[in-house]
C-alpha atoms as a PDB file:
ATOM      1  CA  UNK A   1       0.000   0.000   0.000  1.00  0.00           C
ATOM      2  CA  UNK A   2       2.748   2.437   0.897  1.00  0.00           C
ATOM      3  CA  UNK A   3       4.480   1.916  -2.457  1.00  0.00           C
ATOM      4  CA  UNK A   4       1.441   3.149  -4.407  1.00  0.00           C
ATOM      5  CA  UNK A   5       1.129   6.245  -2.240  1.00  0.00           C
ATOM      6  CA  UNK A   6       4.792   7.084  -2.758  1.00  0.00           C
ATOM      7  CA  UNK A   7       4.401   6.644  -6.508  1.00  0.00           C
ATOM      8  CA  UNK A   8       1.359   8.934  -6.718  1.00  0.00           C
ATOM      9  CA  UNK A   9       2.938  11.518  -4.406  1.00  0.00           C
ATOM     10  CA  UNK A  10       6.023  11.687  -6.650  1.00  0.00           C
ATOM     11  CA  UNK A  11       3.810  11.925  -9.736  1.00  0.00           C
ATOM     12  CA  UNK A  12       1.840  14.822  -8.222  1.00  0.00           C
ATOM     13  CA  UNK A  13       5.037  16.550  -7.149  1.00  0.00           C
ATOM     14  CA  UNK A  14       6.341  16.350 -10.739  1.00  0.00           C
ATOM     15  CA  UNK A  15       3.067  17.703 -12.140  1.00  0.00           C
ATOM     16  CA  UNK A  16       3.012  20.492  -9.567  1.00  0.00           C
ATOM     17  CA  UNK A  17       6.516  21.587 -10.530  1.00  0.00           C
ATOM     18  CA  UNK A  18       5.373  22.002 -14.129  1.00  0.00           C
ATOM     19  CA  UNK A  19       2.595  24.375 -13.059  1.00  0.00           C
ATOM     20  CA  UNK A  20       4.937  27.012 -11.621  1.00  0.00           C
ATOM     21  CA  UNK A  21       5.956  30.001 -13.710  1.00  0.00           C
ATOM     22  CA  UNK A  22       9.729  30.115 -13.811  1.00  0.00           C
ATOM     23  CA  UNK A  23      10.278  32.926 -16.308  1.00  0.00           C
ATOM     24  CA  UNK A  24       8.482  35.927 -17.806  1.00  0.00           C
ATOM     25  CA  UNK A  25       9.590  38.197 -20.595  1.00  0.00           C
ATOM     26  CA  UNK A  26      10.061  41.905 -19.954  1.00  0.00           C
ATOM     27  CA  UNK A  27       8.650  44.433 -22.428  1.00  0.00           C
ATOM     28  CA  UNK A  28      11.988  44.503 -24.252  1.00  0.00           C
ATOM     29  CA  UNK A  29      12.054  40.683 -24.461  1.00  0.00           C
ATOM     30  CA  UNK A  30      14.659  39.974 -21.794  1.00  0.00           C
ATOM     31  CA  UNK A  31      13.798  37.031 -19.504  1.00  0.00           C
ATOM     32  CA  UNK A  32      12.872  37.750 -15.895  1.00  0.00           C
ATOM     33  CA  UNK A  33      13.495  34.925 -13.423  1.00  0.00           C
ATOM     34  CA  UNK A  34      13.455  36.686 -10.043  1.00  0.00           C
ATOM     35  CA  UNK A  35      10.046  36.298  -8.334  1.00  0.00           C
ATOM     36  CA  UNK A  36       9.858  39.998  -7.422  1.00  0.00           C
ATOM     37  CA  UNK A  37      10.609  41.062 -11.007  1.00  0.00           C
ATOM     38  CA  UNK A  38       8.115  38.550 -12.408  1.00  0.00           C
ATOM     39  CA  UNK A  39       5.427  39.753 -10.016  1.00  0.00           C
ATOM     40  CA  UNK A  40       6.072  43.397 -10.945  1.00  0.00           C
ATOM     41  CA  UNK A  41       5.929  42.550 -14.676  1.00  0.00           C
ATOM     42  CA  UNK A  42       2.703  40.550 -14.279  1.00  0.00           C
ATOM     43  CA  UNK A  43       1.066  43.421 -12.351  1.00  0.00           C
ATOM     44  CA  UNK A  44       2.103  45.958 -14.972  1.00  0.00           C
ATOM     45  CA  UNK A  45       0.904  43.718 -17.807  1.00  0.00           C
ATOM     46  CA  UNK A  46      -2.562  43.144 -16.315  1.00  0.00           C
ATOM     47  CA  UNK A  47      -2.920  46.776 -15.210  1.00  0.00           C
ATOM     48  CA  UNK A  48      -2.266  47.801 -18.809  1.00  0.00           C
ATOM     49  CA  UNK A  49      -4.486  45.054 -20.223  1.00  0.00           C
ATOM     50  CA  UNK A  50      -7.511  45.969 -18.106  1.00  0.00           C
ATOM     51  CA  UNK A  51      -7.144  49.755 -18.122  1.00  0.00           C
ATOM     52  CA  UNK A  52      -9.727  51.646 -20.173  1.00  0.00           C
ATOM     53  CA  UNK A  53      -8.641  52.804 -23.596  1.00  0.00           C
ATOM     54  CA  UNK A  54      -9.061  56.509 -24.287  1.00  0.00           C
ATOM     55  CA  UNK A  55     -12.060  57.198 -26.523  1.00  0.00           C
ATOM     56  CA  UNK A  56     -12.702  59.994 -28.943  1.00  0.00           C
ATOM     57  CA  UNK A  57     -16.002  61.712 -28.050  1.00  0.00           C
ATOM     58  CA  UNK A  58     -16.595  62.682 -31.685  1.00  0.00           C
ATOM     59  CA  UNK A  59     -16.328  59.065 -32.827  1.00  0.00           C
ATOM     60  CA  UNK A  60     -18.698  57.950 -30.077  1.00  0.00           C
ATOM     61  CA  UNK A  61     -21.233  60.588 -31.101  1.00  0.00           C
ATOM     62  CA  UNK A  62     -21.177  59.363 -34.718  1.00  0.00           C
ATOM     63  CA  UNK A  63     -21.682  55.783 -33.565  1.00  0.00           C
ATOM     64  CA  UNK A  64     -24.533  56.684 -31.215  1.00  0.00           C
ATOM     65  CA  UNK A  65     -26.330  58.777 -33.835  1.00  0.00           C
ATOM     66  CA  UNK A  66     -26.559  55.775 -36.156  1.00  0.00           C
ATOM     67  CA  UNK A  67     -28.022  53.443 -33.527  1.00  0.00           C
ATOM     68  CA  UNK A  68     -31.773  52.853 -33.753  1.00  0.00           C
ATOM     69  CA  UNK A  69     -33.784  54.250 -30.867  1.00  0.00           C
ATOM     70  CA  UNK A  70     -36.457  52.410 -28.887  1.00  0.00           C
ATOM     71  CA  UNK A  71     -39.711  54.328 -28.680  1.00  0.00           C
ATOM     72  CA  UNK A  72     -41.043  55.320 -25.260  1.00  0.00           C
ATOM     73  CA  UNK A  73     -44.021  52.965 -25.561  1.00  0.00           C
ATOM     74  CA  UNK A  74     -41.784  50.026 -26.573  1.00  0.00           C
ATOM     75  CA  UNK A  75     -39.391  50.833 -23.716  1.00  0.00           C
ATOM     76  CA  UNK A  76     -42.253  50.831 -21.217  1.00  0.00           C
ATOM     77  CA  UNK A  77     -43.502  47.503 -22.574  1.00  0.00           C
ATOM     78  CA  UNK A  78     -40.015  45.963 -22.509  1.00  0.00           C
ATOM     79  CA  UNK A  79     -39.512  46.960 -18.884  1.00  0.00           C
ATOM     80  CA  UNK A  80     -42.645  45.153 -17.694  1.00  0.00           C
ATOM     81  CA  UNK A  81     -41.995  42.058 -15.551  1.00  0.00           C
ATOM     82  CA  UNK A  82     -41.908  38.790 -17.465  1.00  0.00           C
ATOM     83  CA  UNK A  83     -44.929  36.578 -16.988  1.00  0.00           C
ATOM     84  CA  UNK A  84     -45.329  32.863 -16.471  1.00  0.00           C
ATOM     85  CA  UNK A  85     -46.847  32.669 -19.969  1.00  0.00           C
ATOM     86  CA  UNK A  86     -43.721  34.225 -21.502  1.00  0.00           C
ATOM     87  CA  UNK A  87     -41.467  31.812 -19.612  1.00  0.00           C
ATOM     88  CA  UNK A  88     -43.667  28.901 -20.698  1.00  0.00           C
ATOM     89  CA  UNK A  89     -43.467  30.005 -24.332  1.00  0.00           C
ATOM     90  CA  UNK A  90     -39.676  30.328 -24.130  1.00  0.00           C
ATOM     91  CA  UNK A  91     -39.443  26.831 -22.628  1.00  0.00           C
ATOM     92  CA  UNK A  92     -41.703  25.436 -25.363  1.00  0.00           C
ATOM     93  CA  UNK A  93     -39.407  26.896 -28.060  1.00  0.00           C
ATOM     94  CA  UNK A  94     -36.149  25.558 -26.588  1.00  0.00           C
ATOM     95  CA  UNK A  95     -34.448  22.705 -28.431  1.00  0.00           C
ATOM     96  CA  UNK A  96     -34.691  19.336 -26.696  1.00  0.00           C
ATOM     97  CA  UNK A  97     -31.751  17.329 -25.347  1.00  0.00           C
ATOM     98  CA  UNK A  98     -30.088  20.541 -24.163  1.00  0.00           C
ATOM     99  CA  UNK A  99     -29.195  21.864 -20.723  1.00  0.00           C
ATOM    100  CA  UNK A 100     -30.035  25.584 -20.727  1.00  0.00           C
ATOM    101  CA  UNK A 101     -28.220  26.409 -17.500  1.00  0.00           C
ATOM    102  CA  UNK A 102     -25.384  25.572 -15.176  1.00  0.00           C
ATOM    103  CA  UNK A 103     -27.609  23.170 -13.218  1.00  0.00           C
ATOM    104  CA  UNK A 104     -27.305  20.712 -16.150  1.00  0.00           C
ATOM    105  CA  UNK A 105     -31.040  19.994 -16.039  1.00  0.00           C
ATOM    106  CA  UNK A 106     -32.446  19.327 -19.490  1.00  0.00           C
ATOM    107  CA  UNK A 107     -35.312  21.108 -21.202  1.00  0.00           C
ATOM    108  CA  UNK A 108     -37.308  17.889 -20.869  1.00  0.00           C
ATOM    109  CA  UNK A 109     -36.902  18.030 -17.083  1.00  0.00           C
ATOM    110  CA  UNK A 110     -38.291  21.560 -16.972  1.00  0.00           C
ATOM    111  CA  UNK A 111     -41.159  20.588 -19.300  1.00  0.00           C
ATOM    112  CA  UNK A 112     -42.192  17.669 -17.081  1.00  0.00           C
ATOM    113  CA  UNK A 113     -42.028  19.673 -13.844  1.00  0.00           C
ATOM    114  CA  UNK A 114     -42.981  23.102 -15.234  1.00  0.00           C
ATOM    115  CA  UNK A 115     -46.302  23.318 -13.415  1.00  0.00           C
ATOM    116  CA  UNK A 116     -44.486  22.845 -10.111  1.00  0.00           C
ATOM    117  CA  UNK A 117     -41.301  24.823 -10.872  1.00  0.00           C
ATOM    118  CA  UNK A 118     -42.581  27.548 -13.211  1.00  0.00           C
ATOM    119  CA  UNK A 119     -44.259  29.932 -10.754  1.00  0.00           C
ATOM    120  CA  UNK A 120     -41.323  29.740  -8.341  1.00  0.00           C
ATOM    121  CA  UNK A 121     -38.759  30.286 -11.097  1.00  0.00           C
ATOM    122  CA  UNK A 122     -40.643  33.374 -12.311  1.00  0.00           C
ATOM    123  CA  UNK A 123     -40.613  34.721  -8.737  1.00  0.00           C
ATOM    124  CA  UNK A 124     -36.900  33.987  -8.323  1.00  0.00           C
ATOM    125  CA  UNK A 125     -36.124  35.715 -11.627  1.00  0.00           C
ATOM    126  CA  UNK A 126     -38.183  38.775 -10.679  1.00  0.00           C
ATOM    127  CA  UNK A 127     -36.429  39.049  -7.304  1.00  0.00           C
ATOM    128  CA  UNK A 128     -32.953  38.457  -8.734  1.00  0.00           C
ATOM    129  CA  UNK A 129     -33.345  41.290 -11.263  1.00  0.00           C
ATOM    130  CA  UNK A 130     -33.007  43.742  -8.393  1.00  0.00           C
ATOM    131  CA  UNK A 131     -30.006  42.181  -6.657  1.00  0.00           C
ATOM    132  CA  UNK A 132     -27.844  40.531  -9.326  1.00  0.00           C
ATOM    133  CA  UNK A 133     -25.141  42.525 -11.109  1.00  0.00           C
ATOM    134  CA  UNK A 134     -25.730  43.169 -14.812  1.00  0.00           C
ATOM    135  CA  UNK A 135     -23.176  40.509 -15.798  1.00  0.00           C
ATOM    136  CA  UNK A 136     -25.287  37.796 -14.119  1.00  0.00           C
ATOM    137  CA  UNK A 137     -28.700  38.776 -15.405  1.00  0.00           C
END
């Protein structure tokens, strides 16, 4: 028994060593191997990568002028809460043998249990609209 454990421990140790970053390239292409230098370079790289790019207001104005506008009546209608009927229609139109969400439950599952789950799911969705960040909606 101990032999197998030693074997797998050594295997994991080898794999773990391959996961460590041992070198990064500086902006001029020279290799950085010191952990402090690598950390500084990684910070600078990601700070630059995720910083906002400057935008030209004139270009933005041209882009926005060409976008179609939603009428006030359509906007009001679109902002109404979704109904159970709309959810039911969306479920009916979904392709079968698919899992529409991260729960990995298939469309067929929701169809079979819709009368039980539907009203609660509509309530959960309506409540979550107010508390979830835009990226999760």
